[in-house]
Every structure is written in structure tokens, then in C-alpha cells.
C-alpha atoms as a PDB file:
ATOM      1  CA  UNK A   1      18.945 151.234 157.729  1.00  0.00           C
ATOM      2  CA  UNK A   2      15.212 150.936 157.071  1.00  0.00           C
ATOM      3  CA  UNK A   3      13.982 147.410 156.601  1.00  0.00           C
ATOM      4  CA  UNK A   4      12.034 147.501 153.325  1.00  0.00           C
ATOM      5  CA  UNK A   5      11.726 144.629 150.918  1.00  0.00           C
ATOM      6  CA  UNK A   6      13.823 144.812 147.779  1.00  0.00           C
ATOM      7  CA  UNK A   7      10.809 145.484 145.550  1.00  0.00           C
ATOM      8  CA  UNK A   8       9.535 148.367 147.673  1.00  0.00           C
ATOM      9  CA  UNK A   9      13.004 149.901 147.946  1.00  0.00           C
ATOM     10  CA  UNK A  10      13.486 149.733 144.163  1.00  0.00           C
ATOM     11  CA  UNK A  11      10.037 151.270 143.628  1.00  0.00           C
ATOM     12  CA  UNK A  12      10.758 154.139 146.025  1.00  0.00           C
ATOM     13  CA  UNK A  13      14.106 154.849 144.390  1.00  0.00           C
ATOM     14  CA  UNK A  14      12.505 154.835 140.918  1.00  0.00           C
ATOM     15  CA  UNK A  15       9.959 157.386 142.135  1.00  0.00           C
ATOM     16  CA  UNK A  16      12.853 159.502 143.420  1.00  0.00           C
ATOM     17  CA  UNK A  17      14.622 159.167 140.049  1.00  0.00           C
ATOM     18  CA  UNK A  18      11.508 160.266 138.167  1.00  0.00           C
ATOM     19  CA  UNK A  19      11.089 163.261 140.470  1.00  0.00           C
ATOM     20  CA  UNK A  20      14.713 164.251 139.898  1.00  0.00           C
ATOM     21  CA  UNK A  21      14.238 163.887 136.121  1.00  0.00           C
ATOM     22  CA  UNK A  22      11.093 166.028 136.267  1.00  0.00           C
ATOM     23  CA  UNK A  23      13.016 168.711 138.153  1.00  0.00           C
ATOM     24  CA  UNK A  24      15.817 168.400 135.559  1.00  0.00           C
ATOM     25  CA  UNK A  25      18.376 167.769 138.284  1.00  0.00           C
ATOM     26  CA  UNK A  26      21.153 165.265 138.472  1.00  0.00           C
ATOM     27  CA  UNK A  27      22.198 163.346 135.406  1.00  0.00           C
ATOM     28  CA  UNK A  28      24.766 160.791 136.498  1.00  0.00           C
ATOM     29  CA  UNK A  29      24.436 161.991 140.098  1.00  0.00           C
ATOM     30  CA  UNK A  30      20.746 161.076 140.002  1.00  0.00           C
ATOM     31  CA  UNK A  31      21.583 157.559 138.816  1.00  0.00           C
ATOM     32  CA  UNK A  32      24.088 157.044 141.617  1.00  0.00           C
ATOM     33  CA  UNK A  33      21.537 158.456 144.058  1.00  0.00           C
ATOM     34  CA  UNK A  34      18.865 156.031 142.818  1.00  0.00           C
ATOM     35  CA  UNK A  35      21.179 153.062 143.399  1.00  0.00           C
ATOM     36  CA  UNK A  36      22.231 154.455 146.761  1.00  0.00           C
ATOM     37  CA  UNK A  37      18.649 154.932 147.983  1.00  0.00           C
ATOM     38  CA  UNK A  38      17.542 151.496 146.784  1.00  0.00           C
ATOM     39  CA  UNK A  39      20.372 149.763 148.618  1.00  0.00           C
ATOM     40  CA  UNK A  40      19.986 151.927 151.711  1.00  0.00           C
ATOM     41  CA  UNK A  41      16.273 151.165 152.058  1.00  0.00           C
ATOM     42  CA  UNK A  42      16.588 147.363 151.823  1.00  0.00           C
ATOM     43  CA  UNK A  43      17.056 145.204 154.880  1.00  0.00           C
ATOM     44  CA  UNK A  44      20.576 144.207 155.871  1.00  0.00           C
ATOM     45  CA  UNK A  45      20.372 140.634 154.606  1.00  0.00           C
ATOM     46  CA  UNK A  46      19.450 141.623 151.049  1.00  0.00           C
ATOM     47  CA  UNK A  47      21.328 144.913 150.732  1.00  0.00           C
ATOM     48  CA  UNK A  48      24.160 144.832 148.195  1.00  0.00           C
ATOM     49  CA  UNK A  49      25.185 146.606 145.021  1.00  0.00           C
ATOM     50  CA  UNK A  50      22.894 144.422 142.893  1.00  0.00           C
ATOM     51  CA  UNK A  51      19.822 146.157 144.336  1.00  0.00           C
ATOM     52  CA  UNK A  52      21.142 149.507 143.116  1.00  0.00           C
ATOM     53  CA  UNK A  53      21.829 147.976 139.712  1.00  0.00           C
ATOM     54  CA  UNK A  54      18.264 146.704 139.461  1.00  0.00           C
ATOM     55  CA  UNK A  55      16.818 150.081 140.449  1.00  0.00           C
ATOM     56  CA  UNK A  56      18.843 152.045 137.911  1.00  0.00           C
ATOM     57  CA  UNK A  57      18.165 149.471 135.167  1.00  0.00           C
ATOM     58  CA  UNK A  58      14.420 149.624 135.864  1.00  0.00           C
ATOM     59  CA  UNK A  59      14.583 153.416 135.691  1.00  0.00           C
ATOM     60  CA  UNK A  60      16.339 153.136 132.323  1.00  0.00           C
ATOM     61  CA  UNK A  61      13.621 150.820 131.024  1.00  0.00           C
ATOM     62  CA  UNK A  62      11.026 153.443 131.943  1.00  0.00           C
ATOM     63  CA  UNK A  63      13.050 156.168 130.208  1.00  0.00           C
ATOM     64  CA  UNK A  64      13.510 153.951 127.135  1.00  0.00           C
ATOM     65  CA  UNK A  65       9.807 153.177 126.757  1.00  0.00           C
ATOM     66  CA  UNK A  66       8.902 156.846 127.206  1.00  0.00           C
ATOM     67  CA  UNK A  67      11.493 157.936 124.648  1.00  0.00           C
ATOM     68  CA  UNK A  68      10.182 155.455 122.063  1.00  0.00           C
ATOM     69  CA  UNK A  69       6.776 157.167 122.087  1.00  0.00           C
ATOM     70  CA  UNK A  70       8.023 160.752 122.048  1.00  0.00           C
ATOM     71  CA  UNK A  71       8.674 162.528 118.772  1.00  0.00           C
ATOM     72  CA  UNK A  72      12.292 162.813 117.663  1.00  0.00           C
ATOM     73  CA  UNK A  73      14.128 165.957 116.709  1.00  0.00           C
ATOM     74  CA  UNK A  74      13.932 166.028 112.929  1.00  0.00           C
ATOM     75  CA  UNK A  75      16.798 167.673 111.051  1.00  0.00           C
ATOM     76  CA  UNK A  76      16.065 170.599 108.769  1.00  0.00           C
ATOM     77  CA  UNK A  77      17.073 168.720 105.661  1.00  0.00           C
ATOM     78  CA  UNK A  78      15.647 165.227 105.290  1.00  0.00           C
ATOM     79  CA  UNK A  79      17.486 162.652 103.199  1.00  0.00           C
ATOM     80  CA  UNK A  80      16.454 162.128  99.601  1.00  0.00           C
ATOM     81  CA  UNK A  81      13.641 159.600  99.021  1.00  0.00           C
ATOM     82  CA  UNK A  82      16.016 157.618  96.804  1.00  0.00           C
ATOM     83  CA  UNK A  83      18.355 157.043  99.750  1.00  0.00           C
ATOM     84  CA  UNK A  84      15.669 155.879 102.165  1.00  0.00           C
ATOM     85  CA  UNK A  85      15.175 152.169 101.851  1.00  0.00           C
ATOM     86  CA  UNK A  86      15.714 148.879 103.625  1.00  0.00           C
ATOM     87  CA  UNK A  87      19.294 149.739 104.562  1.00  0.00           C
ATOM     88  CA  UNK A  88      18.161 152.910 106.286  1.00  0.00           C
ATOM     89  CA  UNK A  89      15.604 150.980 108.346  1.00  0.00           C
ATOM     90  CA  UNK A  90      18.108 148.292 109.327  1.00  0.00           C
ATOM     91  CA  UNK A  91      20.604 150.946 110.358  1.00  0.00           C
ATOM     92  CA  UNK A  92      17.986 152.601 112.578  1.00  0.00           C
ATOM     93  CA  UNK A  93      17.014 149.284 114.162  1.00  0.00           C
ATOM     94  CA  UNK A  94      20.658 148.451 114.817  1.00  0.00           C
ATOM     95  CA  UNK A  95      21.149 151.846 116.453  1.00  0.00           C
ATOM     96  CA  UNK A  96      18.053 151.332 118.600  1.00  0.00           C
ATOM     97  CA  UNK A  97      19.177 147.898 119.846  1.00  0.00           C
ATOM     98  CA  UNK A  98      22.754 149.025 120.459  1.00  0.00           C
ATOM     99  CA  UNK A  99      21.541 152.101 122.325  1.00  0.00           C
ATOM    100  CA  UNK A 100      19.265 149.942 124.477  1.00  0.00           C
ATOM    101  CA  UNK A 101      22.038 147.591 125.598  1.00  0.00           C
ATOM    102  CA  UNK A 102      24.654 150.295 126.029  1.00  0.00           C
ATOM    103  CA  UNK A 103      22.267 152.474 128.042  1.00  0.00           C
ATOM    104  CA  UNK A 104      21.285 149.522 130.205  1.00  0.00           C
ATOM    105  CA  UNK A 105      24.942 148.816 130.962  1.00  0.00           C
ATOM    106  CA  UNK A 106      25.733 152.449 131.805  1.00  0.00           C
ATOM    107  CA  UNK A 107      22.670 152.912 134.023  1.00  0.00           C
ATOM    108  CA  UNK A 108      23.358 149.580 135.734  1.00  0.00           C
ATOM    109  CA  UNK A 109      26.972 150.549 136.394  1.00  0.00           C
ATOM    110  CA  UNK A 110      25.998 153.903 137.899  1.00  0.00           C
ATOM    111  CA  UNK A 111      23.358 152.238 140.086  1.00  0.00           C
ATOM    112  CA  UNK A 112      25.908 149.642 141.174  1.00  0.00           C
ATOM    113  CA  UNK A 113      28.309 152.387 142.233  1.00  0.00           C
ATOM    114  CA  UNK A 114      25.591 153.995 144.352  1.00  0.00           C
ATOM    115  CA  UNK A 115      24.617 150.632 145.820  1.00  0.00           C
ATOM    116  CA  UNK A 116      28.235 149.851 146.638  1.00  0.00           C
ATOM    117  CA  UNK A 117      28.645 153.177 148.435  1.00  0.00           C
ATOM    118  CA  UNK A 118      25.507 152.586 150.498  1.00  0.00           C
ATOM    119  CA  UNK A 119      26.611 149.056 151.261  1.00  0.00           C
ATOM    120  CA  UNK A 120      30.047 150.099 152.495  1.00  0.00           C
ATOM    121  CA  UNK A 121      29.127 153.260 154.404  1.00  0.00           C
ATOM    122  CA  UNK A 122      25.766 152.497 155.987  1.00  0.00           C
ATOM    123  CA  UNK A 123      25.548 148.746 156.347  1.00  0.00           C
ATOM    124  CA  UNK A 124      26.610 147.002 159.518  1.00  0.00           C
ATOM    125  CA  UNK A 125      29.973 145.373 158.978  1.00  0.00           C
ATOM    126  CA  UNK A 126      29.578 142.851 161.829  1.00  0.00           C
ATOM    127  CA  UNK A 127      28.832 139.973 159.511  1.00  0.00           C
ATOM    128  CA  UNK A 128      30.777 136.797 160.165  1.00  0.00           C
ATOM    129  CA  UNK A 129      33.773 136.683 157.907  1.00  0.00           C
ATOM    130  CA  UNK A 130      34.694 133.751 155.778  1.00  0.00           C
ATOM    131  CA  UNK A 131      37.285 131.526 157.377  1.00  0.00           C
ATOM    132  CA  UNK A 132      40.673 131.961 155.841  1.00  0.00           C
ATOM    133  CA  UNK A 133      41.913 128.962 153.959  1.00  0.00           C
ATOM    134  CA  UNK A 134      44.808 127.342 155.697  1.00  0.00           C
ATOM    135  CA  UNK A 135      47.653 126.131 153.623  1.00  0.00           C
ATOM    136  CA  UNK A 136      48.761 122.627 154.338  1.00  0.00           C
ATOM    137  CA  UNK A 137      52.096 122.500 156.018  1.00  0.00           C
ATOM    138  CA  UNK A 138      54.634 120.362 154.341  1.00  0.00           C
ATOM    139  CA  UNK A 139      55.667 117.409 156.418  1.00  0.00           C
ATOM    140  CA  UNK A 140      59.309 117.308 157.256  1.00  0.00           C
ATOM    141  CA  UNK A 141      60.701 113.815 156.911  1.00  0.00           C
ATOM    142  CA  UNK A 142      63.738 113.129 159.058  1.00  0.00           C
ATOM    143  CA  UNK A 143      65.873 110.301 157.864  1.00  0.00           C
ATOM    144  CA  UNK A 144      67.991 108.244 160.178  1.00  0.00           C
ATOM    145  CA  UNK A 145      70.697 107.631 157.642  1.00  0.00           C
ATOM    146  CA  UNK A 146      71.951 109.865 154.950  1.00  0.00           C
ATOM    147  CA  UNK A 147      71.369 108.713 151.414  1.00  0.00           C
ATOM    148  CA  UNK A 148      74.428 107.543 149.533  1.00  0.00           C
ATOM    149  CA  UNK A 149      76.086 110.101 147.394  1.00  0.00           C
ATOM    150  CA  UNK A 150      76.048 109.411 143.726  1.00  0.00           C
ATOM    151  CA  UNK A 151      79.353 109.579 141.980  1.00  0.00           C
ATOM    152  CA  UNK A 152      80.705 108.701 138.607  1.00  0.00           C
ATOM    153  CA  UNK A 153      82.832 105.899 140.076  1.00  0.00           C
ATOM    154  CA  UNK A 154      80.614 102.856 140.333  1.00  0.00           C
ATOM    155  CA  UNK A 155      81.487  99.851 142.394  1.00  0.00           C
ATOM    156  CA  UNK A 156      80.664  96.298 141.558  1.00  0.00           C
ATOM    157  CA  UNK A 157      78.456  94.905 144.240  1.00  0.00           C
ATOM    158  CA  UNK A 158      79.165  91.242 143.612  1.00  0.00           C
END
């Protein structure tokens, strides 16, 4: 695996994601590829699925900012001016915020899948493993005499 810093690996994978978007290729495959490339390019100590998540989330932030400034597709029939009001604006703001968080989660999940695949297939697996926790063995107590059996017939010990 190449030994890039996390920031440089994320930047390179974002550039790859933008190129794939410009070529109109990929979709979900491009998101997984962005996470895969970001994790693959980082050094072994820092490489994990979180790097792929960061790369895909940063790519989504770029897409989100670009889509805010582009013109929307306007329907042929606009709503009546009597309907447009404060409720219409609040509904649009709610949709914008919900779309932001939902898109961030989906892009992050796809980048995490790509990062996980790169981590499992191309990363050295010779890391020291965590020691297994040992269960404490129960101590066996051996008695010299057997305890007295309890019965319903009690004796007077006078």
C-alpha cells in the first residue's frame, strides 16, 4: 500500500470521485471506489474504514454546495400565490436539512464499505492480536469431612 497521509489520500480520492462524476460513471460504485482508494492510499497505521467514510462524506459536501447554487428543475405548473407562504418555506427548509443528513449518512456508509474492503483485502494482517481474556477458573474446595445431612428429625444437643 502507498504511504500517503490521510489528508492527501482523501484529497486524491475526492479528485477521482469528481472525475467519475464528470464522466457520468459510477453512482454507488463511484462512492465505494472513493472510499476504497482513500483507505488504500493511507499508510498502514492509519488505514481503516473511517478514512473511506471521511472521503465519501467530503465528496458529498462538495456535491451539496454545488447543488445549492445550481438552478432547480421547475415544474410546468407553479403553485398558486395564495398557497405560497411561511409554511411552504419551512417545508422546503425541512426538506433541505433532512436531505443533507440523509445524504451524508448514505455517502458515509458507501465510503465505509469501500474502506472496509480495502482494509481487509490489501492491508497487512500481521498486526499483533489482542490477548484473549482468560476466564478465572473456579477453585475446587475439597473438604475433609462431609457436611451433616439435614433431616426433619432434629436431635436435642444438650
